[in-house]
Amino acid sequence: MAVVESIEYPFVAVEIQEQAEKPSLDFETNQLISFDPALSTGVLSASVGLSSSKKLFGNYSNEFKYEFSKDGNSYYKLNEPLWLSEGNCLGFYLLGDLTENEIGFEVKGVAQDKSETAELVSVGNLNFFGWEYKEKEFNMQPSRRYKLTGFYVRQAEGELNAKGNFFMDNLHNYNELLNSVSTIKSADIQVYPNPAHEWIYINIPDGNSGCMLQLYTLDGHLIKSSEGVRINVSEVLNGMYILKIKTKTTLTSQVVQIRHY
């Protein structure tokens, strides 16, 4: 099988410093989130704290612990709600705990008369191990302002789901889902490694010929392009980016993490 060599386009490292996307929450501060027993049920114990041993960015992530009795639902509140001014999408990094328990977040819409409506948005379950980026849309009405108020874990059936602990790092608010696909399914595209620190490679089902890879910041700045099946990210700052993959017949994008150890 023929190997398509990469052609690197000019790249200026200083531009990345200026364009690095800051998260809406970076989880570097203690007491940012706390367990709320008043909004929880069937919980024997639960807590939130800083973790320096398992993190992706900065010095800390947040570690969430829980132990259920039966039909548990643990709620973790933001001690200061986060106003969502950038759009109706939330994305954040999770390190799962291999349970089937559901994780999600709560947003509240505030009307002009100060009345509030709450929405619980499921992100999926925690049945994975290793860092993954999760994102989800929530309903937004033009007449309301929206704020993120907390996260929840809902117990699934089975003894193995009675307790666990997971980690959360950088959270972003934006106006369009990043893992958007126009003509082929995300599951059919291989982007690896992710996180990456030197090279990102791709493999797509309709062949690799004529590929163009473009790396963007979250706010839409193009910082690097490459023809072929790989792109060098050794000089890109740690963070979350959008990798757009163009071929003769397809166009898709995926979220990638750059992490230098």
C-alpha atoms as a PDB file:
ATOM      1  CA  MET A   1       0.000   0.000   0.000  1.00  0.00           C
ATOM      2  CA  ALA A   2       1.383   3.370  -1.013  1.00  0.00           C
ATOM      3  CA  VAL A   3       2.225   5.818   1.746  1.00  0.00           C
ATOM      4  CA  VAL A   4       1.197   9.424   1.233  1.00  0.00           C
ATOM      5  CA  GLU A   5       3.876  11.746   2.584  1.00  0.00           C
ATOM      6  CA  SER A   6       2.852  14.798   4.568  1.00  0.00           C
ATOM      7  CA  ILE A   7       3.434  18.296   3.247  1.00  0.00           C
ATOM      8  CA  GLU A   8       3.703  20.778   6.092  1.00  0.00           C
ATOM      9  CA  TYR A   9       2.526  24.345   5.615  1.00  0.00           C
ATOM     10  CA  PRO A  10       4.258  27.295   7.296  1.00  0.00           C
ATOM     11  CA  PHE A  11       3.588  27.546  10.995  1.00  0.00           C
ATOM     12  CA  VAL A  12       4.370  30.332  13.456  1.00  0.00           C
ATOM     13  CA  ALA A  13       4.409  29.278  17.107  1.00  0.00           C
ATOM     14  CA  VAL A  14       3.804  32.815  18.389  1.00  0.00           C
ATOM     15  CA  GLU A  15       0.353  32.855  16.791  1.00  0.00           C
ATOM     16  CA  ILE A  16      -0.690  29.865  18.871  1.00  0.00           C
ATOM     17  CA  GLN A  17       0.162  31.677  22.068  1.00  0.00           C
ATOM     18  CA  GLU A  18      -2.209  34.479  21.073  1.00  0.00           C
ATOM     19  CA  GLN A  19      -4.986  32.174  19.933  1.00  0.00           C
ATOM     20  CA  ALA A  20      -4.993  29.540  22.701  1.00  0.00           C
ATOM     21  CA  GLU A  21      -8.576  29.009  23.808  1.00  0.00           C
ATOM     22  CA  LYS A  22      -9.325  29.559  27.490  1.00  0.00           C
ATOM     23  CA  PRO A  23     -11.880  27.250  29.104  1.00  0.00           C
ATOM     24  CA  SER A  24     -15.046  28.562  30.730  1.00  0.00           C
ATOM     25  CA  LEU A  25     -14.119  26.496  33.802  1.00  0.00           C
ATOM     26  CA  ASP A  26     -10.596  25.256  34.444  1.00  0.00           C
ATOM     27  CA  PHE A  27     -11.165  23.381  37.753  1.00  0.00           C
ATOM     28  CA  GLU A  28      -8.059  24.937  39.298  1.00  0.00           C
ATOM     29  CA  THR A  29      -9.923  26.422  42.279  1.00  0.00           C
ATOM     30  CA  ASN A  30     -10.936  24.573  45.417  1.00  0.00           C
ATOM     31  CA  GLN A  31     -14.623  24.648  46.420  1.00  0.00           C
ATOM     32  CA  LEU A  32     -15.707  25.380  42.858  1.00  0.00           C
ATOM     33  CA  ILE A  33     -18.187  22.478  43.055  1.00  0.00           C
ATOM     34  CA  SER A  34     -19.645  20.745  46.105  1.00  0.00           C
ATOM     35  CA  PHE A  35     -21.922  17.801  46.784  1.00  0.00           C
ATOM     36  CA  ASP A  36     -25.510  18.900  47.521  1.00  0.00           C
ATOM     37  CA  PRO A  37     -27.301  16.382  49.773  1.00  0.00           C
ATOM     38  CA  ALA A  38     -30.572  18.344  49.566  1.00  0.00           C
ATOM     39  CA  LEU A  39     -30.870  17.596  45.837  1.00  0.00           C
ATOM     40  CA  SER A  40     -29.566  14.017  46.078  1.00  0.00           C
ATOM     41  CA  THR A  41     -31.299  10.734  46.898  1.00  0.00           C
ATOM     42  CA  GLY A  42     -30.071   7.266  47.833  1.00  0.00           C
ATOM     43  CA  VAL A  43     -26.526   8.457  48.508  1.00  0.00           C
ATOM     44  CA  LEU A  44     -24.409   7.015  51.320  1.00  0.00           C
ATOM     45  CA  SER A  45     -21.510   9.381  50.724  1.00  0.00           C
ATOM     46  CA  ALA A  46     -20.259  11.768  48.065  1.00  0.00           C
ATOM     47  CA  SER A  47     -17.625  14.467  47.690  1.00  0.00           C
ATOM     48  CA  VAL A  48     -15.712  16.671  45.237  1.00  0.00           C
ATOM     49  CA  GLY A  49     -12.081  17.731  45.560  1.00  0.00           C
ATOM     50  CA  LEU A  50      -8.984  18.819  43.678  1.00  0.00           C
ATOM     51  CA  SER A  51      -6.728  16.177  42.148  1.00  0.00           C
ATOM     52  CA  SER A  52      -3.148  16.768  41.040  1.00  0.00           C
ATOM     53  CA  SER A  53      -2.446  13.138  40.137  1.00  0.00           C
ATOM     54  CA  LYS A  54      -5.008  12.778  37.346  1.00  0.00           C
ATOM     55  CA  LYS A  55      -5.327  15.925  35.275  1.00  0.00           C
ATOM     56  CA  LEU A  56      -5.072  17.077  31.678  1.00  0.00           C
ATOM     57  CA  PHE A  57      -4.435  20.802  32.029  1.00  0.00           C
ATOM     58  CA  GLY A  58      -2.945  23.150  34.588  1.00  0.00           C
ATOM     59  CA  ASN A  59      -2.251  21.852  38.073  1.00  0.00           C
ATOM     60  CA  TYR A  60      -5.546  20.205  38.994  1.00  0.00           C
ATOM     61  CA  SER A  61      -8.689  18.440  37.881  1.00  0.00           C
ATOM     62  CA  ASN A  62     -11.774  17.775  40.031  1.00  0.00           C
ATOM     63  CA  GLU A  63     -12.359  14.292  41.449  1.00  0.00           C
ATOM     64  CA  PHE A  64     -15.992  13.295  42.080  1.00  0.00           C
ATOM     65  CA  LYS A  65     -16.667  10.423  44.507  1.00  0.00           C
ATOM     66  CA  TYR A  66     -19.966   8.721  45.280  1.00  0.00           C
ATOM     67  CA  GLU A  67     -21.461   5.664  46.977  1.00  0.00           C
ATOM     68  CA  PHE A  68     -25.124   4.776  46.529  1.00  0.00           C
ATOM     69  CA  SER A  69     -27.522   2.745  48.659  1.00  0.00           C
ATOM     70  CA  LYS A  70     -30.316   2.135  46.135  1.00  0.00           C
ATOM     71  CA  ASP A  71     -31.736   4.107  43.194  1.00  0.00           C
ATOM     72  CA  GLY A  72     -29.137   6.761  43.880  1.00  0.00           C
ATOM     73  CA  ASN A  73     -28.862  10.185  42.342  1.00  0.00           C
ATOM     74  CA  SER A  74     -25.971  12.412  43.437  1.00  0.00           C
ATOM     75  CA  TYR A  75     -26.031  16.111  42.623  1.00  0.00           C
ATOM     76  CA  TYR A  76     -22.963  18.361  42.581  1.00  0.00           C
ATOM     77  CA  LYS A  77     -23.679  22.079  42.516  1.00  0.00           C
ATOM     78  CA  LEU A  78     -21.559  24.930  41.245  1.00  0.00           C
ATOM     79  CA  ASN A  79     -21.155  27.204  44.232  1.00  0.00           C
ATOM     80  CA  GLU A  80     -21.197  30.117  41.786  1.00  0.00           C
ATOM     81  CA  PRO A  81     -23.329  29.371  38.688  1.00  0.00           C
ATOM     82  CA  LEU A  82     -21.597  29.807  35.345  1.00  0.00           C
ATOM     83  CA  TRP A  83     -23.439  32.097  32.930  1.00  0.00           C
ATOM     84  CA  LEU A  84     -23.419  30.614  29.436  1.00  0.00           C
ATOM     85  CA  SER A  85     -22.918  33.528  27.073  1.00  0.00           C
ATOM     86  CA  GLU A  86     -21.225  31.745  24.161  1.00  0.00           C
ATOM     87  CA  GLY A  87     -24.021  29.424  22.992  1.00  0.00           C
ATOM     88  CA  ASN A  88     -26.068  26.309  23.727  1.00  0.00           C
ATOM     89  CA  CYS A  89     -23.283  23.702  23.747  1.00  0.00           C
ATOM     90  CA  LEU A  90     -21.180  22.463  26.642  1.00  0.00           C
ATOM     91  CA  GLY A  91     -18.104  20.272  26.373  1.00  0.00           C
ATOM     92  CA  PHE A  92     -15.754  18.976  29.032  1.00  0.00           C
ATOM     93  CA  TYR A  93     -13.145  16.312  29.665  1.00  0.00           C
ATOM     94  CA  LEU A  94     -14.059  13.212  31.687  1.00  0.00           C
ATOM     95  CA  LEU A  95     -12.067  10.307  33.014  1.00  0.00           C
ATOM     96  CA  GLY A  96     -14.638   7.557  33.573  1.00  0.00           C
ATOM     97  CA  ASP A  97     -14.888   4.889  36.265  1.00  0.00           C
ATOM     98  CA  LEU A  98     -16.161   1.884  34.218  1.00  0.00           C
ATOM     99  CA  THR A  99     -19.657   2.028  35.736  1.00  0.00           C
ATOM    100  CA  GLU A 100     -22.908   2.233  33.779  1.00  0.00           C
ATOM    101  CA  ASN A 101     -24.011   5.238  35.815  1.00  0.00           C
ATOM    102  CA  GLU A 102     -25.385   8.168  33.870  1.00  0.00           C
ATOM    103  CA  ILE A 103     -23.719  11.565  34.039  1.00  0.00           C
ATOM    104  CA  GLY A 104     -25.215  14.865  33.007  1.00  0.00           C
ATOM    105  CA  PHE A 105     -25.468  18.553  33.809  1.00  0.00           C
ATOM    106  CA  GLU A 106     -28.182  21.021  34.789  1.00  0.00           C
ATOM    107  CA  VAL A 107     -28.795  24.357  33.110  1.00  0.00           C
ATOM    108  CA  LYS A 108     -31.352  26.958  34.116  1.00  0.00           C
ATOM    109  CA  GLY A 109     -32.967  29.557  31.901  1.00  0.00           C
ATOM    110  CA  VAL A 110     -33.747  32.867  33.587  1.00  0.00           C
ATOM    111  CA  ALA A 111     -36.549  35.044  32.208  1.00  0.00           C
ATOM    112  CA  GLN A 112     -36.809  38.816  32.504  1.00  0.00           C
ATOM    113  CA  ASP A 113     -39.203  38.422  35.457  1.00  0.00           C
ATOM    114  CA  LYS A 114     -36.486  36.330  37.219  1.00  0.00           C
ATOM    115  CA  SER A 115     -38.453  33.078  36.910  1.00  0.00           C
ATOM    116  CA  GLU A 116     -36.315  30.022  36.185  1.00  0.00           C
ATOM    117  CA  THR A 117     -36.767  26.802  34.228  1.00  0.00           C
ATOM    118  CA  ALA A 118     -34.363  23.888  34.759  1.00  0.00           C
ATOM    119  CA  GLU A 119     -33.199  21.280  32.241  1.00  0.00           C
ATOM    120  CA  LEU A 120     -31.236  18.118  33.024  1.00  0.00           C
ATOM    121  CA  VAL A 121     -29.077  17.110  30.056  1.00  0.00           C
ATOM    122  CA  SER A 122     -27.660  13.590  29.908  1.00  0.00           C
ATOM    123  CA  VAL A 123     -24.133  13.292  28.517  1.00  0.00           C
ATOM    124  CA  GLY A 124     -23.949   9.486  28.610  1.00  0.00           C
ATOM    125  CA  ASN A 125     -22.554   6.931  31.042  1.00  0.00           C
ATOM    126  CA  LEU A 126     -19.224   6.574  32.811  1.00  0.00           C
ATOM    127  CA  ASN A 127     -18.403   3.185  31.318  1.00  0.00           C
ATOM    128  CA  PHE A 128     -14.956   4.046  30.011  1.00  0.00           C
ATOM    129  CA  PHE A 129     -11.516   4.537  31.467  1.00  0.00           C
ATOM    130  CA  GLY A 130      -9.161   7.213  30.252  1.00  0.00           C
ATOM    131  CA  TRP A 131      -9.852  10.802  29.313  1.00  0.00           C
ATOM    132  CA  GLU A 132     -12.601  11.498  26.793  1.00  0.00           C
ATOM    133  CA  TYR A 133     -14.143  14.737  25.598  1.00  0.00           C
ATOM    134  CA  LYS A 134     -17.923  14.858  26.036  1.00  0.00           C
ATOM    135  CA  GLU A 135     -20.194  17.519  24.568  1.00  0.00           C
ATOM    136  CA  LYS A 136     -23.933  18.127  24.437  1.00  0.00           C
ATOM    137  CA  GLU A 137     -26.457  20.725  23.297  1.00  0.00           C
ATOM    138  CA  PHE A 138     -29.166  22.133  25.554  1.00  0.00           C
ATOM    139  CA  ASN A 139     -32.383  23.966  24.714  1.00  0.00           C
ATOM    140  CA  MET A 140     -32.041  27.729  24.534  1.00  0.00           C
ATOM    141  CA  GLN A 141     -34.773  30.334  24.107  1.00  0.00           C
ATOM    142  CA  PRO A 142     -33.845  33.847  22.925  1.00  0.00           C
ATOM    143  CA  SER A 143     -35.819  35.517  25.713  1.00  0.00           C
ATOM    144  CA  ARG A 144     -33.846  33.829  28.514  1.00  0.00           C
ATOM    145  CA  ARG A 145     -30.342  33.940  29.939  1.00  0.00           C
ATOM    146  CA  TYR A 146     -28.796  30.583  30.778  1.00  0.00           C
ATOM    147  CA  LYS A 147     -26.495  29.367  33.509  1.00  0.00           C
ATOM    148  CA  LEU A 148     -24.828  26.089  34.386  1.00  0.00           C
ATOM    149  CA  THR A 149     -25.794  25.150  37.941  1.00  0.00           C
ATOM    150  CA  GLY A 150     -24.438  21.652  38.492  1.00  0.00           C
ATOM    151  CA  PHE A 151     -23.773  18.051  37.486  1.00  0.00           C
ATOM    152  CA  TYR A 152     -25.472  14.809  38.431  1.00  0.00           C
ATOM    153  CA  VAL A 153     -24.763  11.072  38.498  1.00  0.00           C
ATOM    154  CA  ARG A 154     -27.737   8.688  38.300  1.00  0.00           C
ATOM    155  CA  GLN A 155     -27.284   5.093  39.449  1.00  0.00           C
ATOM    156  CA  ALA A 156     -27.783   2.275  36.978  1.00  0.00           C
ATOM    157  CA  GLU A 157     -28.935  -1.215  37.956  1.00  0.00           C
ATOM    158  CA  GLY A 158     -26.350  -3.725  39.139  1.00  0.00           C
ATOM    159  CA  GLU A 159     -24.001  -4.150  42.089  1.00  0.00           C
ATOM    160  CA  LEU A 160     -20.998  -2.862  40.154  1.00  0.00           C
ATOM    161  CA  ASN A 161     -22.664   0.545  39.878  1.00  0.00           C
ATOM    162  CA  ALA A 162     -22.980   1.141  43.624  1.00  0.00           C
ATOM    163  CA  LYS A 163     -19.863   3.299  43.944  1.00  0.00           C
ATOM    164  CA  GLY A 164     -17.253   5.027  41.870  1.00  0.00           C
ATOM    165  CA  ASN A 165     -15.106   8.057  41.275  1.00  0.00           C
ATOM    166  CA  PHE A 166     -14.454  10.035  38.110  1.00  0.00           C
ATOM    167  CA  PHE A 167     -12.495  13.136  37.134  1.00  0.00           C
ATOM    168  CA  MET A 168     -13.411  16.290  35.232  1.00  0.00           C
ATOM    169  CA  ASP A 169     -11.194  18.902  33.584  1.00  0.00           C
ATOM    170  CA  ASN A 170     -11.532  21.974  31.365  1.00  0.00           C
ATOM    171  CA  LEU A 171     -15.122  22.884  30.431  1.00  0.00           C
ATOM    172  CA  HIS A 172     -16.008  24.940  27.352  1.00  0.00           C
ATOM    173  CA  ASN A 173     -19.148  26.773  26.239  1.00  0.00           C
ATOM    174  CA  TYR A 174     -19.729  27.370  22.507  1.00  0.00           C
ATOM    175  CA  ASN A 175     -22.504  27.612  19.925  1.00  0.00           C
ATOM    176  CA  GLU A 176     -22.038  24.544  17.696  1.00  0.00           C
ATOM    177  CA  LEU A 177     -21.127  20.942  18.416  1.00  0.00           C
ATOM    178  CA  LEU A 178     -17.493  20.339  17.538  1.00  0.00           C
ATOM    179  CA  ASN A 179     -17.789  16.680  16.523  1.00  0.00           C
ATOM    180  CA  SER A 180     -19.885  17.528  13.469  1.00  0.00           C
ATOM    181  CA  VAL A 181     -19.855  15.313  10.403  1.00  0.00           C
ATOM    182  CA  SER A 182     -21.169  16.265   6.985  1.00  0.00           C
ATOM    183  CA  THR A 183     -20.911  13.148   4.843  1.00  0.00           C
ATOM    184  CA  ILE A 184     -19.497  10.234   6.842  1.00  0.00           C
ATOM    185  CA  LYS A 185     -19.961   8.930  10.358  1.00  0.00           C
ATOM    186  CA  SER A 186     -17.498   9.794  13.120  1.00  0.00           C
ATOM    187  CA  ALA A 187     -17.249   6.091  13.977  1.00  0.00           C
ATOM    188  CA  ASP A 188     -15.805   5.424  10.493  1.00  0.00           C
ATOM    189  CA  ILE A 189     -12.926   7.860  10.972  1.00  0.00           C
ATOM    190  CA  GLN A 190      -9.792   6.928  12.857  1.00  0.00           C
ATOM    191  CA  VAL A 191      -7.922   9.834  14.412  1.00  0.00           C
ATOM    192  CA  TYR A 192      -4.988   8.740  16.541  1.00  0.00           C
ATOM    193  CA  PRO A 193      -3.392   9.188  18.960  1.00  0.00           C
ATOM    194  CA  ASN A 194      -5.823  11.376  20.864  1.00  0.00           C
ATOM    195  CA  PRO A 195      -4.512  13.018  23.041  1.00  0.00           C
ATOM    196  CA  ALA A 196      -1.453  13.678  20.871  1.00  0.00           C
ATOM    197  CA  HIS A 197       1.852  15.407  21.553  1.00  0.00           C
ATOM    198  CA  GLU A 198       3.850  15.093  18.316  1.00  0.00           C
ATOM    199  CA  TRP A 199       1.847  13.735  15.357  1.00  0.00           C
ATOM    200  CA  ILE A 200      -1.840  13.150  14.651  1.00  0.00           C
ATOM    201  CA  TYR A 201      -2.671  10.479  12.060  1.00  0.00           C
ATOM    202  CA  ILE A 202      -5.947   9.768  10.277  1.00  0.00           C
ATOM    203  CA  ASN A 203      -7.479   6.801   8.507  1.00  0.00           C
ATOM    204  CA  ILE A 204     -10.793   7.084   6.651  1.00  0.00           C
ATOM    205  CA  PRO A 205     -12.858   4.404   4.861  1.00  0.00           C
ATOM    206  CA  ASP A 206     -12.795   5.931   1.377  1.00  0.00           C
ATOM    207  CA  GLY A 207      -9.012   6.095   1.177  1.00  0.00           C
ATOM    208  CA  ASN A 208      -6.361   8.594   2.180  1.00  0.00           C
ATOM    209  CA  SER A 209      -5.552  10.160  -1.179  1.00  0.00           C
ATOM    210  CA  GLY A 210      -6.092  13.885  -1.513  1.00  0.00           C
ATOM    211  CA  CYS A 211      -6.440  14.528   2.217  1.00  0.00           C
ATOM    212  CA  MET A 212      -6.154  18.012   3.685  1.00  0.00           C
ATOM    213  CA  LEU A 213      -5.915  18.369   7.456  1.00  0.00           C
ATOM    214  CA  GLN A 214      -6.625  21.721   9.098  1.00  0.00           C
ATOM    215  CA  LEU A 215      -6.210  22.462  12.812  1.00  0.00           C
ATOM    216  CA  TYR A 216      -8.393  25.215  14.289  1.00  0.00           C
ATOM    217  CA  THR A 217      -8.782  26.818  17.695  1.00  0.00           C
ATOM    218  CA  LEU A 218     -12.262  26.709  19.234  1.00  0.00           C
ATOM    219  CA  ASP A 219     -12.921  30.266  18.142  1.00  0.00           C
ATOM    220  CA  GLY A 220     -12.242  29.399  14.511  1.00  0.00           C
ATOM    221  CA  HIS A 221      -8.631  30.472  13.925  1.00  0.00           C
ATOM    222  CA  LEU A 222      -6.722  28.258  11.490  1.00  0.00           C
ATOM    223  CA  ILE A 223      -3.308  27.588  13.011  1.00  0.00           C
ATOM    224  CA  LYS A 224      -1.924  24.796  10.871  1.00  0.00           C
ATOM    225  CA  SER A 225      -2.571  22.812   7.661  1.00  0.00           C
ATOM    226  CA  SER A 226      -1.065  19.690   6.201  1.00  0.00           C
ATOM    227  CA  GLU A 227      -1.610  17.581   3.074  1.00  0.00           C
ATOM    228  CA  GLY A 228      -1.534  13.843   3.658  1.00  0.00           C
ATOM    229  CA  VAL A 229      -2.518  11.567   6.513  1.00  0.00           C
ATOM    230  CA  ARG A 230      -0.676  13.200   9.384  1.00  0.00           C
ATOM    231  CA  ILE A 231      -0.103  16.613  10.921  1.00  0.00           C
ATOM    232  CA  ASN A 232       2.666  17.669  13.280  1.00  0.00           C
ATOM    233  CA  VAL A 233       1.477  19.228  16.556  1.00  0.00           C
ATOM    234  CA  SER A 234       4.747  19.228  18.501  1.00  0.00           C
ATOM    235  CA  GLU A 235       4.744  23.052  18.711  1.00  0.00           C
ATOM    236  CA  VAL A 236       1.036  23.447  19.457  1.00  0.00           C
ATOM    237  CA  LEU A 237       0.081  24.436  22.986  1.00  0.00           C
ATOM    238  CA  ASN A 238      -1.769  22.028  25.275  1.00  0.00           C
ATOM    239  CA  GLY A 239      -5.492  22.358  24.783  1.00  0.00           C
ATOM    240  CA  MET A 240      -8.530  21.408  22.760  1.00  0.00           C
ATOM    241  CA  TYR A 241      -8.695  21.995  19.007  1.00  0.00           C
ATOM    242  CA  ILE A 242     -10.844  21.138  16.012  1.00  0.00           C
ATOM    243  CA  LEU A 243      -9.278  18.965  13.333  1.00  0.00           C
ATOM    244  CA  LYS A 244     -11.025  19.337   9.973  1.00  0.00           C
ATOM    245  CA  ILE A 245     -10.488  16.507   7.525  1.00  0.00           C
ATOM    246  CA  LYS A 246     -11.125  17.161   3.851  1.00  0.00           C
ATOM    247  CA  THR A 247     -10.913  14.637   1.008  1.00  0.00           C
ATOM    248  CA  LYS A 248     -12.213  14.632  -2.547  1.00  0.00           C
ATOM    249  CA  THR A 249     -15.581  13.319  -1.376  1.00  0.00           C
ATOM    250  CA  THR A 250     -15.859  13.992   2.369  1.00  0.00           C
ATOM    251  CA  LEU A 251     -15.645  16.759   4.939  1.00  0.00           C
ATOM    252  CA  THR A 252     -15.735  16.144   8.663  1.00  0.00           C
ATOM    253  CA  SER A 253     -14.301  17.488  11.903  1.00  0.00           C
ATOM    254  CA  GLN A 254     -13.306  15.997  15.239  1.00  0.00           C
ATOM    255  CA  VAL A 255     -12.164  17.344  18.571  1.00  0.00           C
ATOM    256  CA  VAL A 256      -8.526  16.563  19.353  1.00  0.00           C
ATOM    257  CA  GLN A 257      -6.479  17.089  22.475  1.00  0.00           C
ATOM    258  CA  ILE A 258      -2.889  18.301  22.393  1.00  0.00           C
ATOM    259  CA  ARG A 259      -1.030  17.264  25.507  1.00  0.00           C
ATOM    260  CA  HIS A 260       2.713  17.560  26.001  1.00  0.00           C
ATOM    261  CA  TYR A 261       4.016  15.570  28.928  1.00  0.00           C
END
